[in-house]
Amino acid sequence: MAELKFEITEHIAVLGESSRGWTKELNKVSWNDYPAKYDIREWSPDHARMGKGVTLSEEEFENLRRVLNGEEPLDRDGDDVDESEII
């Protein structure tokens, strides 16, 4: 199995901590030398090991931010999504 290469390029926030000392964090992470994306996952205290997580593009992160703030998400063209068009 190929080695997974990663670099935390920006630490944004610690969202919580488990009893074993791992922290759930929001970071920007570059995976295998690709451009960094927003990433939510648990990390060991030394950041050498990680749990399963979710990686979001800029557009996906912006839509998550909008939804959490009670706003409508944007469609691919940057316009508000019309809820009547959602199946």
N, C-alpha and C. Protein backbone atom coordinates (compact mmCIF):
# COMPACT_ATOMS: atom_id res chain seq x y z
N MET A 1 0.84 -1.19 0.00
CA MET A 1 0.00 0.00 0.00
C MET A 1 0.89 1.25 0.00
N ALA A 2 0.55 2.20 -0.84
CA ALA A 2 1.32 3.44 -0.94
C ALA A 2 1.19 4.26 0.33
N GLU A 3 2.27 4.96 0.65
CA GLU A 3 2.26 5.80 1.84
C GLU A 3 1.41 7.04 1.59
N LEU A 4 0.61 7.40 2.58
CA LEU A 4 -0.24 8.59 2.50
C LEU A 4 0.58 9.79 2.94
N LYS A 5 0.67 10.78 2.08
CA LYS A 5 1.43 11.99 2.39
C LYS A 5 0.44 13.11 2.68
N PHE A 6 0.68 13.82 3.77
CA PHE A 6 -0.20 14.94 4.10
C PHE A 6 0.59 16.05 4.77
N GLU A 7 0.05 17.26 4.65
CA GLU A 7 0.62 18.42 5.34
C GLU A 7 -0.53 19.31 5.78
N ILE A 8 -0.59 19.60 7.06
CA ILE A 8 -1.57 20.58 7.57
C ILE A 8 -1.00 21.95 7.23
N THR A 9 -1.64 22.62 6.27
CA THR A 9 -1.13 23.91 5.81
C THR A 9 -1.71 25.07 6.62
N GLU A 10 -2.86 24.85 7.25
CA GLU A 10 -3.48 25.90 8.09
C GLU A 10 -4.31 25.24 9.17
N HIS A 11 -3.98 25.54 10.41
CA HIS A 11 -4.79 25.07 11.54
C HIS A 11 -5.85 26.13 11.80
N ILE A 12 -7.12 25.73 11.73
CA ILE A 12 -8.21 26.72 11.89
C ILE A 12 -8.82 26.66 13.28
N ALA A 13 -9.19 25.45 13.75
CA ALA A 13 -9.84 25.36 15.06
C ALA A 13 -9.83 23.94 15.60
N VAL A 14 -9.80 23.83 16.92
CA VAL A 14 -10.07 22.57 17.61
C VAL A 14 -11.55 22.59 17.95
N LEU A 15 -12.29 21.57 17.50
CA LEU A 15 -13.74 21.52 17.70
C LEU A 15 -14.10 20.74 18.95
N GLY A 16 -13.21 19.87 19.43
CA GLY A 16 -13.46 19.09 20.63
C GLY A 16 -12.29 18.19 20.92
N GLU A 17 -12.32 17.55 22.11
CA GLU A 17 -11.25 16.64 22.50
C GLU A 17 -11.85 15.41 23.14
N SER A 18 -11.31 14.24 22.78
CA SER A 18 -11.79 12.98 23.35
C SER A 18 -11.07 12.70 24.66
N SER A 19 -11.57 11.71 25.39
CA SER A 19 -10.97 11.35 26.67
C SER A 19 -9.56 10.79 26.51
N ARG A 20 -9.22 10.30 25.33
CA ARG A 20 -7.89 9.75 25.09
C ARG A 20 -6.91 10.80 24.56
N GLY A 21 -7.34 12.06 24.49
CA GLY A 21 -6.47 13.16 24.11
C GLY A 21 -6.45 13.52 22.64
N TRP A 22 -7.19 12.77 21.81
CA TRP A 22 -7.27 13.12 20.40
C TRP A 22 -8.18 14.33 20.25
N THR A 23 -7.89 15.18 19.27
CA THR A 23 -8.70 16.38 19.06
C THR A 23 -9.37 16.32 17.69
N LYS A 24 -10.63 16.73 17.66
CA LYS A 24 -11.34 16.88 16.39
C LYS A 24 -11.06 18.31 15.93
N GLU A 25 -10.53 18.42 14.71
CA GLU A 25 -10.04 19.72 14.25
C GLU A 25 -10.56 20.07 12.86
N LEU A 26 -10.64 21.37 12.63
CA LEU A 26 -10.88 21.92 11.29
C LEU A 26 -9.56 22.50 10.84
N ASN A 27 -9.02 21.95 9.76
CA ASN A 27 -7.74 22.39 9.20
C ASN A 27 -7.86 22.48 7.69
N LYS A 28 -6.85 23.10 7.08
CA LYS A 28 -6.65 22.96 5.65
C LYS A 28 -5.49 21.99 5.50
N VAL A 29 -5.73 20.91 4.73
CA VAL A 29 -4.75 19.84 4.60
C VAL A 29 -4.49 19.57 3.12
N SER A 30 -3.22 19.45 2.79
CA SER A 30 -2.80 19.02 1.46
C SER A 30 -2.55 17.52 1.54
N TRP A 31 -3.28 16.75 0.72
CA TRP A 31 -3.13 15.30 0.68
C TRP A 31 -2.36 14.93 -0.58
N ASN A 32 -1.26 14.19 -0.42
CA ASN A 32 -0.45 13.71 -1.55
C ASN A 32 -0.07 14.84 -2.52
N ASP A 33 0.33 15.98 -1.95
CA ASP A 33 0.83 17.14 -2.71
C ASP A 33 -0.23 17.84 -3.56
N TYR A 34 -1.52 17.51 -3.36
CA TYR A 34 -2.60 18.24 -4.05
C TYR A 34 -2.88 19.54 -3.29
N PRO A 35 -3.56 20.50 -3.92
CA PRO A 35 -3.90 21.73 -3.21
C PRO A 35 -4.70 21.43 -1.93
N ALA A 36 -4.43 22.22 -0.90
CA ALA A 36 -5.07 22.01 0.40
C ALA A 36 -6.58 22.21 0.31
N LYS A 37 -7.30 21.38 1.07
CA LYS A 37 -8.75 21.47 1.19
C LYS A 37 -9.11 21.55 2.66
N TYR A 38 -10.33 22.01 2.95
CA TYR A 38 -10.82 22.01 4.32
C TYR A 38 -11.00 20.57 4.76
N ASP A 39 -10.67 20.29 6.01
CA ASP A 39 -10.66 18.92 6.50
C ASP A 39 -11.11 18.90 7.95
N ILE A 40 -12.07 18.01 8.25
CA ILE A 40 -12.55 17.83 9.62
C ILE A 40 -12.29 16.37 9.98
N ARG A 41 -11.46 16.14 11.03
CA ARG A 41 -11.17 14.78 11.49
C ARG A 41 -10.49 14.83 12.85
N GLU A 42 -10.38 13.64 13.48
CA GLU A 42 -9.67 13.53 14.74
C GLU A 42 -8.19 13.30 14.47
N TRP A 43 -7.37 13.92 15.32
CA TRP A 43 -5.91 13.80 15.22
C TRP A 43 -5.35 13.38 16.58
N SER A 44 -4.29 12.55 16.53
CA SER A 44 -3.57 12.21 17.75
C SER A 44 -2.86 13.47 18.26
N PRO A 45 -2.45 13.48 19.53
CA PRO A 45 -1.81 14.69 20.06
C PRO A 45 -0.60 15.17 19.27
N ASP A 46 0.18 14.25 18.66
CA ASP A 46 1.35 14.65 17.89
C ASP A 46 1.07 14.82 16.39
N HIS A 47 -0.19 14.66 16.00
CA HIS A 47 -0.63 14.77 14.60
C HIS A 47 0.04 13.75 13.67
N ALA A 48 0.55 12.66 14.23
CA ALA A 48 1.15 11.61 13.42
C ALA A 48 0.10 10.60 12.95
N ARG A 49 -1.00 10.49 13.69
CA ARG A 49 -2.08 9.57 13.33
C ARG A 49 -3.38 10.34 13.26
N MET A 50 -4.31 9.81 12.45
CA MET A 50 -5.58 10.49 12.26
C MET A 50 -6.71 9.48 12.17
N GLY A 51 -7.92 9.95 12.45
CA GLY A 51 -9.11 9.13 12.27
C GLY A 51 -9.75 9.44 10.93
N LYS A 52 -10.87 8.78 10.68
CA LYS A 52 -11.61 9.07 9.45
C LYS A 52 -12.16 10.49 9.52
N GLY A 53 -12.30 11.10 8.36
CA GLY A 53 -12.76 12.47 8.36
C GLY A 53 -13.48 12.83 7.08
N VAL A 54 -13.73 14.11 6.94
CA VAL A 54 -14.42 14.67 5.79
C VAL A 54 -13.55 15.77 5.22
N THR A 55 -13.35 15.74 3.89
CA THR A 55 -12.59 16.76 3.20
C THR A 55 -13.53 17.53 2.28
N LEU A 56 -13.46 18.86 2.33
CA LEU A 56 -14.38 19.72 1.58
C LEU A 56 -13.62 20.69 0.70
N SER A 57 -14.12 20.86 -0.52
CA SER A 57 -13.57 21.89 -1.41
C SER A 57 -13.99 23.27 -0.88
N GLU A 58 -13.43 24.32 -1.46
CA GLU A 58 -13.82 25.69 -1.08
C GLU A 58 -15.32 25.88 -1.22
N GLU A 59 -15.88 25.40 -2.36
CA GLU A 59 -17.32 25.56 -2.62
C GLU A 59 -18.15 24.78 -1.59
N GLU A 60 -17.75 23.56 -1.29
CA GLU A 60 -18.49 22.76 -0.30
C GLU A 60 -18.41 23.38 1.08
N PHE A 61 -17.23 23.90 1.44
CA PHE A 61 -17.08 24.54 2.75
C PHE A 61 -17.94 25.79 2.83
N GLU A 62 -17.97 26.58 1.77
CA GLU A 62 -18.81 27.79 1.75
C GLU A 62 -20.28 27.41 1.90
N ASN A 63 -20.73 26.35 1.23
CA ASN A 63 -22.12 25.92 1.38
C ASN A 63 -22.41 25.44 2.80
N LEU A 64 -21.48 24.73 3.40
CA LEU A 64 -21.66 24.30 4.80
C LEU A 64 -21.77 25.51 5.71
N ARG A 65 -20.88 26.49 5.52
CA ARG A 65 -20.92 27.71 6.32
C ARG A 65 -22.26 28.42 6.17
N ARG A 66 -22.74 28.52 4.92
CA ARG A 66 -24.01 29.19 4.67
C ARG A 66 -25.17 28.46 5.35
N VAL A 67 -25.21 27.13 5.21
CA VAL A 67 -26.29 26.35 5.82
C VAL A 67 -26.28 26.50 7.34
N LEU A 68 -25.10 26.46 7.95
CA LEU A 68 -25.00 26.60 9.41
C LEU A 68 -25.42 27.99 9.87
N ASN A 69 -25.30 28.98 9.00
CA ASN A 69 -25.72 30.34 9.32
C ASN A 69 -27.17 30.62 8.91
N GLY A 70 -27.90 29.58 8.49
CA GLY A 70 -29.30 29.74 8.13
C GLY A 70 -29.51 30.34 6.75
N GLU A 71 -28.49 30.32 5.91
CA GLU A 71 -28.58 30.87 4.56
C GLU A 71 -28.79 29.74 3.56
N GLU A 72 -29.18 30.10 2.36
CA GLU A 72 -29.34 29.13 1.29
C GLU A 72 -27.97 28.77 0.73
N PRO A 73 -27.74 27.50 0.39
CA PRO A 73 -26.47 27.14 -0.26
C PRO A 73 -26.42 27.72 -1.67
N LEU A 74 -25.22 27.80 -2.21
CA LEU A 74 -25.03 28.31 -3.57
C LEU A 74 -25.01 27.15 -4.54
N ASP A 75 -25.51 27.37 -5.77
CA ASP A 75 -25.38 26.35 -6.80
C ASP A 75 -24.01 26.49 -7.45
N ARG A 76 -23.73 25.73 -8.46
CA ARG A 76 -22.40 25.74 -9.09
C ARG A 76 -22.05 27.07 -9.72
N ASP A 77 -23.05 27.88 -10.05
CA ASP A 77 -22.81 29.17 -10.67
C ASP A 77 -22.65 30.28 -9.64
N GLY A 78 -22.74 29.92 -8.34
CA GLY A 78 -22.60 30.93 -7.30
C GLY A 78 -23.91 31.61 -6.94
N ASP A 79 -25.04 31.09 -7.46
CA ASP A 79 -26.35 31.66 -7.16
C ASP A 79 -27.00 30.88 -6.05
N ASP A 80 -27.94 31.52 -5.33
CA ASP A 80 -28.69 30.79 -4.31
C ASP A 80 -29.45 29.64 -4.97
N VAL A 81 -29.53 28.51 -4.26
CA VAL A 81 -30.27 27.35 -4.76
C VAL A 81 -31.76 27.59 -4.53
N ASP A 82 -32.57 27.35 -5.57
CA ASP A 82 -34.02 27.46 -5.46
C ASP A 82 -34.53 26.13 -4.91
N GLU A 83 -35.07 26.15 -3.68
CA GLU A 83 -35.53 24.91 -3.04
C GLU A 83 -36.59 24.19 -3.84
N SER A 84 -37.35 24.90 -4.68
CA SER A 84 -38.38 24.23 -5.48
C SER A 84 -37.76 23.34 -6.55
N GLU A 85 -36.46 23.55 -6.85
CA GLU A 85 -35.78 22.73 -7.86
C GLU A 85 -35.18 21.45 -7.26
N ILE A 86 -35.18 21.35 -5.93
CA ILE A 86 -34.61 20.17 -5.27
C ILE A 86 -35.65 19.06 -5.26
N ILE A 87 -35.23 17.89 -5.70
CA ILE A 87 -36.15 16.75 -5.77
C ILE A 87 -36.28 16.12 -4.41
